[in-house]
């Protein structure tokens, strides 16, 4: 029935800090669409970024900064990714640890974004 996730919406306290983090640390590309809306694009999905105060007509019932738990898959060697996180001053909460993703066993690192969302970057083994 469903093929993949197209986009998610991230509610943030600070749009500029959010965009800086996701472009610097995770390599997303920043784009503006529909004149004023902001998004972070990756190869085959995007994250729409809304400020907590933004007046969006159609949104979640309780849009809350820091409430997401997202897992991203990388093809980068995880030891290289770990060094990148450290060079950006990102605190690694846990990792490398073995987890089970939608396609099987993977190795993961966990850390937070500026709003406290829990981010996981993984590579399948």
PDB file of N, CA and C in Angstrom:
ATOM      1  N   UNK A   1       0.813  -1.195   0.000  1.00  0.00           N
ATOM      2  CA  UNK A   1       0.000   0.000   0.000  1.00  0.00           C
ATOM      3  C   UNK A   1       0.861   1.265   0.000  1.00  0.00           C
ATOM      4  N   UNK A   2       1.819   1.345   0.925  1.00  0.00           N
ATOM      5  CA  UNK A   2       2.684   2.537   1.007  1.00  0.00           C
ATOM      6  C   UNK A   2       4.090   2.193   0.540  1.00  0.00           C
ATOM      7  N   UNK A   3       4.768   3.164  -0.030  1.00  0.00           N
ATOM      8  CA  UNK A   3       6.103   2.931  -0.572  1.00  0.00           C
ATOM      9  C   UNK A   3       7.211   3.482   0.320  1.00  0.00           C
ATOM     10  N   UNK A   4       7.090   4.740   0.755  1.00  0.00           N
ATOM     11  CA  UNK A   4       8.139   5.358   1.570  1.00  0.00           C
ATOM     12  C   UNK A   4       7.604   6.635   2.200  1.00  0.00           C
ATOM     13  N   UNK A   5       8.349   7.179   3.126  1.00  0.00           N
ATOM     14  CA  UNK A   5       8.025   8.486   3.698  1.00  0.00           C
ATOM     15  C   UNK A   5       8.569   9.549   2.754  1.00  0.00           C
ATOM     16  N   UNK A   6       7.754  10.539   2.425  1.00  0.00           N
ATOM     17  CA  UNK A   6       8.172  11.634   1.549  1.00  0.00           C
ATOM     18  C   UNK A   6       8.792  12.772   2.350  1.00  0.00           C
ATOM     19  N   UNK A   7       8.125  13.179   3.427  1.00  0.00           N
ATOM     20  CA  UNK A   7       8.658  14.254   4.266  1.00  0.00           C
ATOM     21  C   UNK A   7       8.092  14.141   5.676  1.00  0.00           C
ATOM     22  N   UNK A   8       8.782  14.764   6.597  1.00  0.00           N
ATOM     23  CA  UNK A   8       8.300  14.922   7.966  1.00  0.00           C
ATOM     24  C   UNK A   8       8.376  16.403   8.293  1.00  0.00           C
ATOM     25  N   UNK A   9       7.660  16.811   9.324  1.00  0.00           N
ATOM     26  CA  UNK A   9       7.680  18.207   9.753  1.00  0.00           C
ATOM     27  C   UNK A   9       8.370  18.286  11.106  1.00  0.00           C
ATOM     28  N   UNK A  10       9.344  19.157  11.198  1.00  0.00           N
ATOM     29  CA  UNK A  10      10.080  19.375  12.428  1.00  0.00           C
ATOM     30  C   UNK A  10       9.694  20.750  12.960  1.00  0.00           C
ATOM     31  N   UNK A  11       9.168  20.790  14.172  1.00  0.00           N
ATOM     32  CA  UNK A  11       8.839  22.054  14.824  1.00  0.00           C
ATOM     33  C   UNK A  11      10.027  22.451  15.693  1.00  0.00           C
ATOM     34  N   UNK A  12      10.471  23.693  15.543  1.00  0.00           N
ATOM     35  CA  UNK A  12      11.683  24.133  16.226  1.00  0.00           C
ATOM     36  C   UNK A  12      11.467  25.437  16.984  1.00  0.00           C
ATOM     37  N   UNK A  13      12.277  25.635  18.012  1.00  0.00           N
ATOM     38  CA  UNK A  13      12.284  26.910  18.732  1.00  0.00           C
ATOM     39  C   UNK A  13      13.076  27.977  17.984  1.00  0.00           C
ATOM     40  N   UNK A  14      14.053  27.548  17.161  1.00  0.00           N
ATOM     41  CA  UNK A  14      14.958  28.481  16.483  1.00  0.00           C
ATOM     42  C   UNK A  14      15.249  27.959  15.077  1.00  0.00           C
ATOM     43  N   UNK A  15      14.560  28.502  14.087  1.00  0.00           N
ATOM     44  CA  UNK A  15      14.685  28.034  12.703  1.00  0.00           C
ATOM     45  C   UNK A  15      16.125  28.135  12.209  1.00  0.00           C
ATOM     46  N   UNK A  16      16.798  29.248  12.467  1.00  0.00           N
ATOM     47  CA  UNK A  16      18.171  29.433  11.976  1.00  0.00           C
ATOM     48  C   UNK A  16      19.132  28.409  12.574  1.00  0.00           C
ATOM     49  N   UNK A  17      19.035  28.163  13.880  1.00  0.00           N
ATOM     50  CA  UNK A  17      19.906  27.175  14.532  1.00  0.00           C
ATOM     51  C   UNK A  17      19.615  25.771  14.007  1.00  0.00           C
ATOM     52  N   UNK A  18      18.360  25.488  13.789  1.00  0.00           N
ATOM     53  CA  UNK A  18      17.950  24.185  13.262  1.00  0.00           C
ATOM     54  C   UNK A  18      18.535  23.961  11.869  1.00  0.00           C
ATOM     55  N   UNK A  19      18.354  24.927  10.989  1.00  0.00           N
ATOM     56  CA  UNK A  19      18.846  24.805   9.617  1.00  0.00           C
ATOM     57  C   UNK A  19      20.370  24.703   9.602  1.00  0.00           C
ATOM     58  N   UNK A  20      21.040  25.485  10.424  1.00  0.00           N
ATOM     59  CA  UNK A  20      22.498  25.421  10.506  1.00  0.00           C
ATOM     60  C   UNK A  20      22.958  24.025  10.923  1.00  0.00           C
ATOM     61  N   UNK A  21      22.337  23.458  11.942  1.00  0.00           N
ATOM     62  CA  UNK A  21      22.719  22.138  12.439  1.00  0.00           C
ATOM     63  C   UNK A  21      22.529  21.065  11.373  1.00  0.00           C
ATOM     64  N   UNK A  22      21.359  21.020  10.770  1.00  0.00           N
ATOM     65  CA  UNK A  22      21.059  19.951   9.812  1.00  0.00           C
ATOM     66  C   UNK A  22      21.876  20.069   8.523  1.00  0.00           C
ATOM     67  N   UNK A  23      22.234  21.276   8.121  1.00  0.00           N
ATOM     68  CA  UNK A  23      23.073  21.419   6.927  1.00  0.00           C
ATOM     69  C   UNK A  23      24.539  21.119   7.250  1.00  0.00           C
ATOM     70  N   UNK A  24      25.031  21.621   8.371  1.00  0.00           N
ATOM     71  CA  UNK A  24      26.432  21.427   8.763  1.00  0.00           C
ATOM     72  C   UNK A  24      26.724  19.995   9.196  1.00  0.00           C
ATOM     73  N   UNK A  25      25.899  19.490  10.101  1.00  0.00           N
ATOM     74  CA  UNK A  25      26.178  18.208  10.743  1.00  0.00           C
ATOM     75  C   UNK A  25      25.695  17.026   9.905  1.00  0.00           C
ATOM     76  N   UNK A  26      24.556  17.169   9.242  1.00  0.00           N
ATOM     77  CA  UNK A  26      23.983  16.030   8.522  1.00  0.00           C
ATOM     78  C   UNK A  26      23.978  16.175   7.004  1.00  0.00           C
ATOM     79  N   UNK A  27      24.443  17.300   6.493  1.00  0.00           N
ATOM     80  CA  UNK A  27      24.591  17.446   5.052  1.00  0.00           C
ATOM     81  C   UNK A  27      23.324  17.705   4.264  1.00  0.00           C
ATOM     82  N   UNK A  28      22.255  18.124   4.928  1.00  0.00           N
ATOM     83  CA  UNK A  28      21.028  18.469   4.204  1.00  0.00           C
ATOM     84  C   UNK A  28      21.237  19.745   3.397  1.00  0.00           C
ATOM     85  N   UNK A  29      20.451  19.900   2.338  1.00  0.00           N
ATOM     86  CA  UNK A  29      20.427  21.142   1.571  1.00  0.00           C
ATOM     87  C   UNK A  29      19.212  21.950   2.014  1.00  0.00           C
ATOM     88  N   UNK A  30      19.406  23.240   2.177  1.00  0.00           N
ATOM     89  CA  UNK A  30      18.340  24.144   2.608  1.00  0.00           C
ATOM     90  C   UNK A  30      17.617  24.687   1.390  1.00  0.00           C
ATOM     91  N   UNK A  31      16.289  24.714   1.451  1.00  0.00           N
ATOM     92  CA  UNK A  31      15.510  25.310   0.362  1.00  0.00           C
ATOM     93  C   UNK A  31      14.302  26.046   0.912  1.00  0.00           C
ATOM     94  N   UNK A  32      13.877  27.051   0.176  1.00  0.00           N
ATOM     95  CA  UNK A  32      12.634  27.764   0.473  1.00  0.00           C
ATOM     96  C   UNK A  32      11.648  27.368  -0.613  1.00  0.00           C
ATOM     97  N   UNK A  33      10.415  27.030  -0.207  1.00  0.00           N
ATOM     98  CA  UNK A  33       9.390  26.692  -1.184  1.00  0.00           C
ATOM     99  C   UNK A  33       8.112  27.447  -0.837  1.00  0.00           C
ATOM    100  N   UNK A  34       7.235  27.557  -1.795  1.00  0.00           N
ATOM    101  CA  UNK A  34       5.989  28.320  -1.622  1.00  0.00           C
ATOM    102  C   UNK A  34       6.267  29.690  -1.001  1.00  0.00           C
ATOM    103  N   UNK A  35       7.323  30.326  -1.443  1.00  0.00           N
ATOM    104  CA  UNK A  35       7.750  31.681  -1.083  1.00  0.00           C
ATOM    105  C   UNK A  35       8.307  31.842   0.322  1.00  0.00           C
ATOM    106  N   UNK A  36       7.676  31.242   1.345  1.00  0.00           N
ATOM    107  CA  UNK A  36       8.128  31.493   2.713  1.00  0.00           C
ATOM    108  C   UNK A  36       8.404  30.230   3.523  1.00  0.00           C
ATOM    109  N   UNK A  37       8.066  29.064   3.002  1.00  0.00           N
ATOM    110  CA  UNK A  37       8.243  27.827   3.771  1.00  0.00           C
ATOM    111  C   UNK A  37       9.671  27.315   3.618  1.00  0.00           C
ATOM    112  N   UNK A  38      10.164  26.683   4.671  1.00  0.00           N
ATOM    113  CA  UNK A  38      11.558  26.244   4.704  1.00  0.00           C
ATOM    114  C   UNK A  38      11.629  24.726   4.793  1.00  0.00           C
ATOM    115  N   UNK A  39      12.638  24.163   4.122  1.00  0.00           N
ATOM    116  CA  UNK A  39      12.810  22.714   4.148  1.00  0.00           C
ATOM    117  C   UNK A  39      14.286  22.352   4.099  1.00  0.00           C
ATOM    118  N   UNK A  40      14.567  21.163   4.579  1.00  0.00           N
ATOM    119  CA  UNK A  40      15.885  20.553   4.507  1.00  0.00           C
ATOM    120  C   UNK A  40      15.743  19.339   3.604  1.00  0.00           C
ATOM    121  N   UNK A  41      16.508  19.311   2.505  1.00  0.00           N
ATOM    122  CA  UNK A  41      16.364  18.232   1.528  1.00  0.00           C
ATOM    123  C   UNK A  41      17.543  17.277   1.572  1.00  0.00           C
ATOM    124  N   UNK A  42      17.206  16.010   1.419  1.00  0.00           N
ATOM    125  CA  UNK A  42      18.192  14.961   1.258  1.00  0.00           C
ATOM    126  C   UNK A  42      17.949  14.326  -0.105  1.00  0.00           C
ATOM    127  N   UNK A  43      18.592  13.213  -0.364  1.00  0.00           N
ATOM    128  CA  UNK A  43      18.490  12.591  -1.680  1.00  0.00           C
ATOM    129  C   UNK A  43      17.051  12.244  -2.061  1.00  0.00           C
ATOM    130  N   UNK A  44      16.295  11.609  -1.152  1.00  0.00           N
ATOM    131  CA  UNK A  44      14.956  11.154  -1.523  1.00  0.00           C
ATOM    132  C   UNK A  44      13.866  11.455  -0.495  1.00  0.00           C
ATOM    133  N   UNK A  45      14.100  12.437   0.353  1.00  0.00           N
ATOM    134  CA  UNK A  45      13.064  12.894   1.281  1.00  0.00           C
ATOM    135  C   UNK A  45      13.420  14.294   1.758  1.00  0.00           C
ATOM    136  N   UNK A  46      12.481  14.916   2.466  1.00  0.00           N
ATOM    137  CA  UNK A  46      12.782  16.241   3.013  1.00  0.00           C
ATOM    138  C   UNK A  46      12.160  16.398   4.391  1.00  0.00           C
ATOM    139  N   UNK A  47      12.676  17.387   5.102  1.00  0.00           N
ATOM    140  CA  UNK A  47      12.153  17.768   6.412  1.00  0.00           C
ATOM    141  C   UNK A  47      11.668  19.204   6.280  1.00  0.00           C
ATOM    142  N   UNK A  48      10.369  19.417   6.443  1.00  0.00           N
ATOM    143  CA  UNK A  48       9.835  20.779   6.463  1.00  0.00           C
ATOM    144  C   UNK A  48      10.063  21.341   7.860  1.00  0.00           C
ATOM    145  N   UNK A  49      10.530  22.573   7.935  1.00  0.00           N
ATOM    146  CA  UNK A  49      10.882  23.189   9.214  1.00  0.00           C
ATOM    147  C   UNK A  49       9.892  24.300   9.528  1.00  0.00           C
ATOM    148  N   UNK A  50       9.228  24.181  10.675  1.00  0.00           N
ATOM    149  CA  UNK A  50       8.279  25.199  11.136  1.00  0.00           C
ATOM    150  C   UNK A  50       8.745  25.728  12.483  1.00  0.00           C
ATOM    151  N   UNK A  51       8.620  27.029  12.676  1.00  0.00           N
ATOM    152  CA  UNK A  51       8.876  27.562  14.017  1.00  0.00           C
ATOM    153  C   UNK A  51       7.646  27.282  14.873  1.00  0.00           C
ATOM    154  N   UNK A  52       7.862  27.246  16.168  1.00  0.00           N
ATOM    155  CA  UNK A  52       6.775  26.973  17.109  1.00  0.00           C
ATOM    156  C   UNK A  52       5.642  27.982  16.952  1.00  0.00           C
ATOM    157  N   UNK A  53       5.989  29.235  16.631  1.00  0.00           N
ATOM    158  CA  UNK A  53       4.996  30.309  16.541  1.00  0.00           C
ATOM    159  C   UNK A  53       4.379  30.453  15.149  1.00  0.00           C
ATOM    160  N   UNK A  54       4.888  29.732  14.170  1.00  0.00           N
ATOM    161  CA  UNK A  54       4.447  29.896  12.787  1.00  0.00           C
ATOM    162  C   UNK A  54       2.969  29.538  12.622  1.00  0.00           C
ATOM    163  N   UNK A  55       2.268  30.375  11.884  1.00  0.00           N
ATOM    164  CA  UNK A  55       0.834  30.167  11.655  1.00  0.00           C
ATOM    165  C   UNK A  55       0.632  29.323  10.402  1.00  0.00           C
ATOM    166  N   UNK A  56       0.694  28.026  10.555  1.00  0.00           N
ATOM    167  CA  UNK A  56       0.457  27.094   9.453  1.00  0.00           C
ATOM    168  C   UNK A  56      -0.979  26.600   9.594  1.00  0.00           C
ATOM    169  N   UNK A  57      -1.726  26.635   8.500  1.00  0.00           N
ATOM    170  CA  UNK A  57      -3.146  26.267   8.550  1.00  0.00           C
ATOM    171  C   UNK A  57      -3.351  24.802   8.938  1.00  0.00           C
ATOM    172  N   UNK A  58      -2.616  23.907   8.318  1.00  0.00           N
ATOM    173  CA  UNK A  58      -2.788  22.481   8.573  1.00  0.00           C
ATOM    174  C   UNK A  58      -1.530  21.957   9.248  1.00  0.00           C
ATOM    175  N   UNK A  59      -1.661  21.556  10.513  1.00  0.00           N
ATOM    176  CA  UNK A  59      -0.494  21.094  11.266  1.00  0.00           C
ATOM    177  C   UNK A  59      -0.923  20.080  12.309  1.00  0.00           C
ATOM    178  N   UNK A  60       0.046  19.468  12.950  1.00  0.00           N
ATOM    179  CA  UNK A  60      -0.229  18.507  14.013  1.00  0.00           C
ATOM    180  C   UNK A  60      -0.988  19.191  15.145  1.00  0.00           C
ATOM    181  N   UNK A  61      -1.702  18.401  15.908  1.00  0.00           N
ATOM    182  CA  UNK A  61      -2.505  18.963  16.994  1.00  0.00           C
ATOM    183  C   UNK A  61      -1.637  19.638  18.055  1.00  0.00           C
ATOM    184  N   UNK A  62      -0.493  19.050  18.368  1.00  0.00           N
ATOM    185  CA  UNK A  62       0.404  19.599  19.387  1.00  0.00           C
ATOM    186  C   UNK A  62       1.834  19.683  18.844  1.00  0.00           C
ATOM    187  N   UNK A  63       2.122  20.610  17.921  1.00  0.00           N
ATOM    188  CA  UNK A  63       3.480  20.709  17.379  1.00  0.00           C
ATOM    189  C   UNK A  63       4.457  21.151  18.473  1.00  0.00           C
ATOM    190  N   UNK A  64       5.402  20.280  18.800  1.00  0.00           N
ATOM    191  CA  UNK A  64       6.262  20.504  19.959  1.00  0.00           C
ATOM    192  C   UNK A  64       7.733  20.325  19.602  1.00  0.00           C
ATOM    193  N   UNK A  65       8.551  21.355  19.796  1.00  0.00           N
ATOM    194  CA  UNK A  65       9.987  21.191  19.575  1.00  0.00           C
ATOM    195  C   UNK A  65      10.558  20.116  20.500  1.00  0.00           C
ATOM    196  N   UNK A  66      11.463  19.314  19.972  1.00  0.00           N
ATOM    197  CA  UNK A  66      12.136  18.301  20.784  1.00  0.00           C
ATOM    198  C   UNK A  66      11.391  16.998  20.948  1.00  0.00           C
ATOM    199  N   UNK A  67      10.313  16.785  20.200  1.00  0.00           N
ATOM    200  CA  UNK A  67       9.511  15.574  20.393  1.00  0.00           C
ATOM    201  C   UNK A  67       9.766  14.486  19.348  1.00  0.00           C
ATOM    202  N   UNK A  68      10.666  14.739  18.391  1.00  0.00           N
ATOM    203  CA  UNK A  68      10.928  13.748  17.340  1.00  0.00           C
ATOM    204  C   UNK A  68      12.023  12.771  17.744  1.00  0.00           C
ATOM    205  N   UNK A  69      11.937  11.587  17.186  1.00  0.00           N
ATOM    206  CA  UNK A  69      12.959  10.554  17.300  1.00  0.00           C
ATOM    207  C   UNK A  69      13.115  10.006  15.888  1.00  0.00           C
ATOM    208  N   UNK A  70      14.186  10.411  15.201  1.00  0.00           N
ATOM    209  CA  UNK A  70      14.373  10.064  13.788  1.00  0.00           C
ATOM    210  C   UNK A  70      15.626   9.227  13.595  1.00  0.00           C
ATOM    211  N   UNK A  71      15.547   8.273  12.674  1.00  0.00           N
ATOM    212  CA  UNK A  71      16.706   7.467  12.309  1.00  0.00           C
ATOM    213  C   UNK A  71      17.030   7.699  10.840  1.00  0.00           C
ATOM    214  N   UNK A  72      18.268   8.076  10.563  1.00  0.00           N
ATOM    215  CA  UNK A  72      18.756   8.278   9.203  1.00  0.00           C
ATOM    216  C   UNK A  72      19.754   7.168   8.870  1.00  0.00           C
ATOM    217  N   UNK A  73      19.748   6.724   7.631  1.00  0.00           N
ATOM    218  CA  UNK A  73      20.689   5.706   7.171  1.00  0.00           C
ATOM    219  C   UNK A  73      21.793   6.389   6.366  1.00  0.00           C
ATOM    220  N   UNK A  74      23.029   5.987   6.634  1.00  0.00           N
ATOM    221  CA  UNK A  74      24.167   6.518   5.887  1.00  0.00           C
ATOM    222  C   UNK A  74      24.933   5.384   5.226  1.00  0.00           C
ATOM    223  N   UNK A  75      25.592   5.705   4.135  1.00  0.00           N
ATOM    224  CA  UNK A  75      26.511   4.759   3.503  1.00  0.00           C
ATOM    225  C   UNK A  75      27.951   5.124   3.854  1.00  0.00           C
ATOM    226  N   UNK A  76      28.105   6.251   4.580  1.00  0.00           N
ATOM    227  CA  UNK A  76      29.427   6.688   5.033  1.00  0.00           C
ATOM    228  C   UNK A  76      29.940   5.694   6.072  1.00  0.00           C
ATOM    229  N   UNK A  77      31.240   5.481   6.086  1.00  0.00           N
ATOM    230  CA  UNK A  77      31.838   4.646   7.114  1.00  0.00           C
ATOM    231  C   UNK A  77      31.550   5.289   8.471  1.00  0.00           C
ATOM    232  N   UNK A  78      31.011   4.510   9.412  1.00  0.00           N
ATOM    233  CA  UNK A  78      30.569   5.091  10.682  1.00  0.00           C
ATOM    234  C   UNK A  78      31.712   5.681  11.500  1.00  0.00           C
ATOM    235  N   UNK A  79      32.902   5.154  11.393  1.00  0.00           N
ATOM    236  CA  UNK A  79      34.028   5.750  12.128  1.00  0.00           C
ATOM    237  C   UNK A  79      34.317   7.158  11.607  1.00  0.00           C
ATOM    238  N   UNK A  80      34.140   7.370  10.303  1.00  0.00           N
ATOM    239  CA  UNK A  80      34.314   8.703   9.709  1.00  0.00           C
ATOM    240  C   UNK A  80      33.191   9.616  10.180  1.00  0.00           C
ATOM    241  N   UNK A  81      31.961   9.089  10.232  1.00  0.00           N
ATOM    242  CA  UNK A  81      30.830   9.888  10.703  1.00  0.00           C
ATOM    243  C   UNK A  81      31.020  10.279  12.167  1.00  0.00           C
ATOM    244  N   UNK A  82      31.511   9.358  12.984  1.00  0.00           N
ATOM    245  CA  UNK A  82      31.766   9.659  14.397  1.00  0.00           C
ATOM    246  C   UNK A  82      32.777  10.798  14.531  1.00  0.00           C
ATOM    247  N   UNK A  83      33.839  10.763  13.744  1.00  0.00           N
ATOM    248  CA  UNK A  83      34.837  11.846  13.783  1.00  0.00           C
ATOM    249  C   UNK A  83      34.210  13.171  13.353  1.00  0.00           C
ATOM    250  N   UNK A  84      33.330  13.124  12.355  1.00  0.00           N
ATOM    251  CA  UNK A  84      32.637  14.334  11.896  1.00  0.00           C
ATOM    252  C   UNK A  84      31.785  14.917  13.022  1.00  0.00           C
ATOM    253  N   UNK A  85      31.000  14.067  13.708  1.00  0.00           N
ATOM    254  CA  UNK A  85      30.182  14.554  14.829  1.00  0.00           C
ATOM    255  C   UNK A  85      31.058  15.237  15.872  1.00  0.00           C
ATOM    256  N   UNK A  86      32.145  14.591  16.232  1.00  0.00           N
ATOM    257  CA  UNK A  86      33.039  15.152  17.247  1.00  0.00           C
ATOM    258  C   UNK A  86      33.643  16.468  16.782  1.00  0.00           C
ATOM    259  N   UNK A  87      34.000  16.568  15.498  1.00  0.00           N
ATOM    260  CA  UNK A  87      34.586  17.816  14.989  1.00  0.00           C
ATOM    261  C   UNK A  87      33.575  18.957  14.981  1.00  0.00           C
ATOM    262  N   UNK A  88      32.285  18.630  14.936  1.00  0.00           N
ATOM    263  CA  UNK A  88      31.217  19.636  14.983  1.00  0.00           C
ATOM    264  C   UNK A  88      30.770  19.925  16.415  1.00  0.00           C
ATOM    265  N   UNK A  89      31.396  19.272  17.394  1.00  0.00           N
ATOM    266  CA  UNK A  89      31.056  19.501  18.793  1.00  0.00           C
ATOM    267  C   UNK A  89      29.761  18.846  19.232  1.00  0.00           C
ATOM    268  N   UNK A  90      29.334  17.813  18.507  1.00  0.00           N
ATOM    269  CA  UNK A  90      28.087  17.122  18.839  1.00  0.00           C
ATOM    270  C   UNK A  90      28.380  16.025  19.858  1.00  0.00           C
ATOM    271  N   UNK A  91      27.636  16.029  20.956  1.00  0.00           N
ATOM    272  CA  UNK A  91      27.795  15.006  21.986  1.00  0.00           C
ATOM    273  C   UNK A  91      27.110  13.721  21.542  1.00  0.00           C
ATOM    274  N   UNK A  92      27.866  12.638  21.494  1.00  0.00           N
ATOM    275  CA  UNK A  92      27.300  11.329  21.162  1.00  0.00           C
ATOM    276  C   UNK A  92      26.721  10.744  22.441  1.00  0.00           C
ATOM    277  N   UNK A  93      25.424  10.474  22.429  1.00  0.00           N
ATOM    278  CA  UNK A  93      24.741   9.940  23.605  1.00  0.00           C
ATOM    279  C   UNK A  93      24.983   8.445  23.766  1.00  0.00           C
ATOM    280  N   UNK A  94      25.033   7.748  22.628  1.00  0.00           N
ATOM    281  CA  UNK A  94      25.262   6.309  22.643  1.00  0.00           C
ATOM    282  C   UNK A  94      25.762   5.886  21.269  1.00  0.00           C
ATOM    283  N   UNK A  95      26.637   4.908  21.256  1.00  0.00           N
ATOM    284  CA  UNK A  95      27.095   4.371  19.994  1.00  0.00           C
ATOM    285  C   UNK A  95      28.599   4.223  19.969  1.00  0.00           C
ATOM    286  N   UNK A  96      29.042   3.322  19.144  1.00  0.00           N
ATOM    287  CA  UNK A  96      28.260   2.499  18.230  1.00  0.00           C
ATOM    288  C   UNK A  96      27.553   1.354  18.968  1.00  0.00           C
ATOM    289  N   UNK A  97      26.281   1.147  18.620  1.00  0.00           N
ATOM    290  CA  UNK A  97      25.487   0.060  19.199  1.00  0.00           C
ATOM    291  C   UNK A  97      24.728  -0.651  18.081  1.00  0.00           C
ATOM    292  N   UNK A  98      24.471  -1.944  18.280  1.00  0.00           N
ATOM    293  CA  UNK A  98      23.714  -2.706  17.291  1.00  0.00           C
ATOM    294  C   UNK A  98      22.224  -2.522  17.540  1.00  0.00           C
ATOM    295  N   UNK A  99      21.499  -2.274  16.476  1.00  0.00           N
ATOM    296  CA  UNK A  99      20.044  -2.117  16.525  1.00  0.00           C
ATOM    297  C   UNK A  99      19.434  -2.915  15.377  1.00  0.00           C
ATOM    298  N   UNK A 100      18.118  -2.995  15.358  1.00  0.00           N
ATOM    299  CA  UNK A 100      17.411  -3.643  14.257  1.00  0.00           C
ATOM    300  C   UNK A 100      16.543  -2.613  13.571  1.00  0.00           C
ATOM    301  N   UNK A 101      16.803  -2.376  12.297  1.00  0.00           N
ATOM    302  CA  UNK A 101      16.021  -1.438  11.498  1.00  0.00           C
ATOM    303  C   UNK A 101      15.029  -2.177  10.618  1.00  0.00           C
ATOM    304  N   UNK A 102      14.419  -1.462   9.705  1.00  0.00           N
ATOM    305  CA  UNK A 102      13.400  -2.058   8.841  1.00  0.00           C
ATOM    306  C   UNK A 102      13.975  -3.102   7.885  1.00  0.00           C
ATOM    307  N   UNK A 103      15.298  -3.064   7.640  1.00  0.00           N
ATOM    308  CA  UNK A 103      15.932  -4.024   6.728  1.00  0.00           C
ATOM    309  C   UNK A 103      16.864  -4.999   7.437  1.00  0.00           C
ATOM    310  N   UNK A 104      16.879  -4.980   8.766  1.00  0.00           N
ATOM    311  CA  UNK A 104      17.722  -5.917   9.499  1.00  0.00           C
ATOM    312  C   UNK A 104      18.673  -5.226  10.455  1.00  0.00           C
ATOM    313  N   UNK A 105      19.780  -5.916  10.765  1.00  0.00           N
ATOM    314  CA  UNK A 105      20.755  -5.426  11.744  1.00  0.00           C
ATOM    315  C   UNK A 105      21.502  -4.208  11.215  1.00  0.00           C
ATOM    316  N   UNK A 106      21.729  -3.259  12.122  1.00  0.00           N
ATOM    317  CA  UNK A 106      22.475  -2.057  11.766  1.00  0.00           C
ATOM    318  C   UNK A 106      23.259  -1.581  12.982  1.00  0.00           C
ATOM    319  N   UNK A 107      24.237  -0.739  12.730  1.00  0.00           N
ATOM    320  CA  UNK A 107      25.022  -0.112  13.793  1.00  0.00           C
ATOM    321  C   UNK A 107      24.604   1.352  13.849  1.00  0.00           C
ATOM    322  N   UNK A 108      24.367   1.858  15.078  1.00  0.00           N
ATOM    323  CA  UNK A 108      23.793   3.198  15.245  1.00  0.00           C
ATOM    324  C   UNK A 108      24.586   4.069  16.204  1.00  0.00           C
ATOM    325  N   UNK A 109      24.488   5.378  15.954  1.00  0.00           N
ATOM    326  CA  UNK A 109      24.955   6.430  16.862  1.00  0.00           C
ATOM    327  C   UNK A 109      23.765   7.315  17.184  1.00  0.00           C
ATOM    328  N   UNK A 110      23.653   7.751  18.443  1.00  0.00           N
ATOM    329  CA  UNK A 110      22.559   8.611  18.886  1.00  0.00           C
ATOM    330  C   UNK A 110      23.103   9.946  19.379  1.00  0.00           C
ATOM    331  N   UNK A 111      22.379  11.018  19.066  1.00  0.00           N
ATOM    332  CA  UNK A 111      22.733  12.365  19.517  1.00  0.00           C
ATOM    333  C   UNK A 111      21.496  13.245  19.394  1.00  0.00           C
ATOM    334  N   UNK A 112      21.564  14.443  19.952  1.00  0.00           N
ATOM    335  CA  UNK A 112      20.434  15.382  19.908  1.00  0.00           C
ATOM    336  C   UNK A 112      20.713  16.531  18.963  1.00  0.00           C
ATOM    337  N   UNK A 113      19.633  17.094  18.400  1.00  0.00           N
ATOM    338  CA  UNK A 113      19.744  18.348  17.651  1.00  0.00           C
ATOM    339  C   UNK A 113      19.552  19.500  18.638  1.00  0.00           C
ATOM    340  N   UNK A 114      19.628  20.759  18.201  1.00  0.00           N
ATOM    341  CA  UNK A 114      19.517  21.889  19.132  1.00  0.00           C
ATOM    342  C   UNK A 114      18.201  21.951  19.916  1.00  0.00           C
ATOM    343  N   UNK A 115      17.120  21.360  19.394  1.00  0.00           N
ATOM    344  CA  UNK A 115      15.840  21.353  20.111  1.00  0.00           C
ATOM    345  C   UNK A 115      15.693  20.161  21.042  1.00  0.00           C
ATOM    346  N   UNK A 116      16.646  19.234  21.018  1.00  0.00           N
ATOM    347  CA  UNK A 116      16.556  18.047  21.857  1.00  0.00           C
ATOM    348  C   UNK A 116      15.916  16.853  21.175  1.00  0.00           C
ATOM    349  N   UNK A 117      15.601  16.960  19.879  1.00  0.00           N
ATOM    350  CA  UNK A 117      15.112  15.787  19.160  1.00  0.00           C
ATOM    351  C   UNK A 117      16.191  14.718  19.194  1.00  0.00           C
ATOM    352  N   UNK A 118      15.782  13.461  19.351  1.00  0.00           N
ATOM    353  CA  UNK A 118      16.737  12.362  19.361  1.00  0.00           C
ATOM    354  C   UNK A 118      16.988  11.919  17.926  1.00  0.00           C
ATOM    355  N   UNK A 119      18.243  11.981  17.507  1.00  0.00           N
ATOM    356  CA  UNK A 119      18.619  11.580  16.159  1.00  0.00           C
ATOM    357  C   UNK A 119      19.489  10.335  16.233  1.00  0.00           C
ATOM    358  N   UNK A 120      19.256   9.447  15.299  1.00  0.00           N
ATOM    359  CA  UNK A 120      20.024   8.211  15.183  1.00  0.00           C
ATOM    360  C   UNK A 120      20.558   8.156  13.754  1.00  0.00           C
ATOM    361  N   UNK A 121      21.843   7.925  13.613  1.00  0.00           N
ATOM    362  CA  UNK A 121      22.427   7.707  12.290  1.00  0.00           C
ATOM    363  C   UNK A 121      22.982   6.292  12.299  1.00  0.00           C
ATOM    364  N   UNK A 122      22.578   5.526  11.286  1.00  0.00           N
ATOM    365  CA  UNK A 122      22.886   4.098  11.254  1.00  0.00           C
ATOM    366  C   UNK A 122      23.408   3.665   9.898  1.00  0.00           C
ATOM    367  N   UNK A 123      24.103   2.530   9.929  1.00  0.00           N
ATOM    368  CA  UNK A 123      24.539   1.863   8.700  1.00  0.00           C
ATOM    369  C   UNK A 123      24.193   0.388   8.845  1.00  0.00           C
ATOM    370  N   UNK A 124      23.623  -0.174   7.795  1.00  0.00           N
ATOM    371  CA  UNK A 124      23.307  -1.600   7.822  1.00  0.00           C
ATOM    372  C   UNK A 124      24.586  -2.408   7.714  1.00  0.00           C
ATOM    373  N   UNK A 125      24.621  -3.516   8.499  1.00  0.00           N
ATOM    374  CA  UNK A 125      25.817  -4.355   8.483  1.00  0.00           C
ATOM    375  C   UNK A 125      25.708  -5.462   7.456  1.00  0.00           C
TER     376      UNK A 125
END
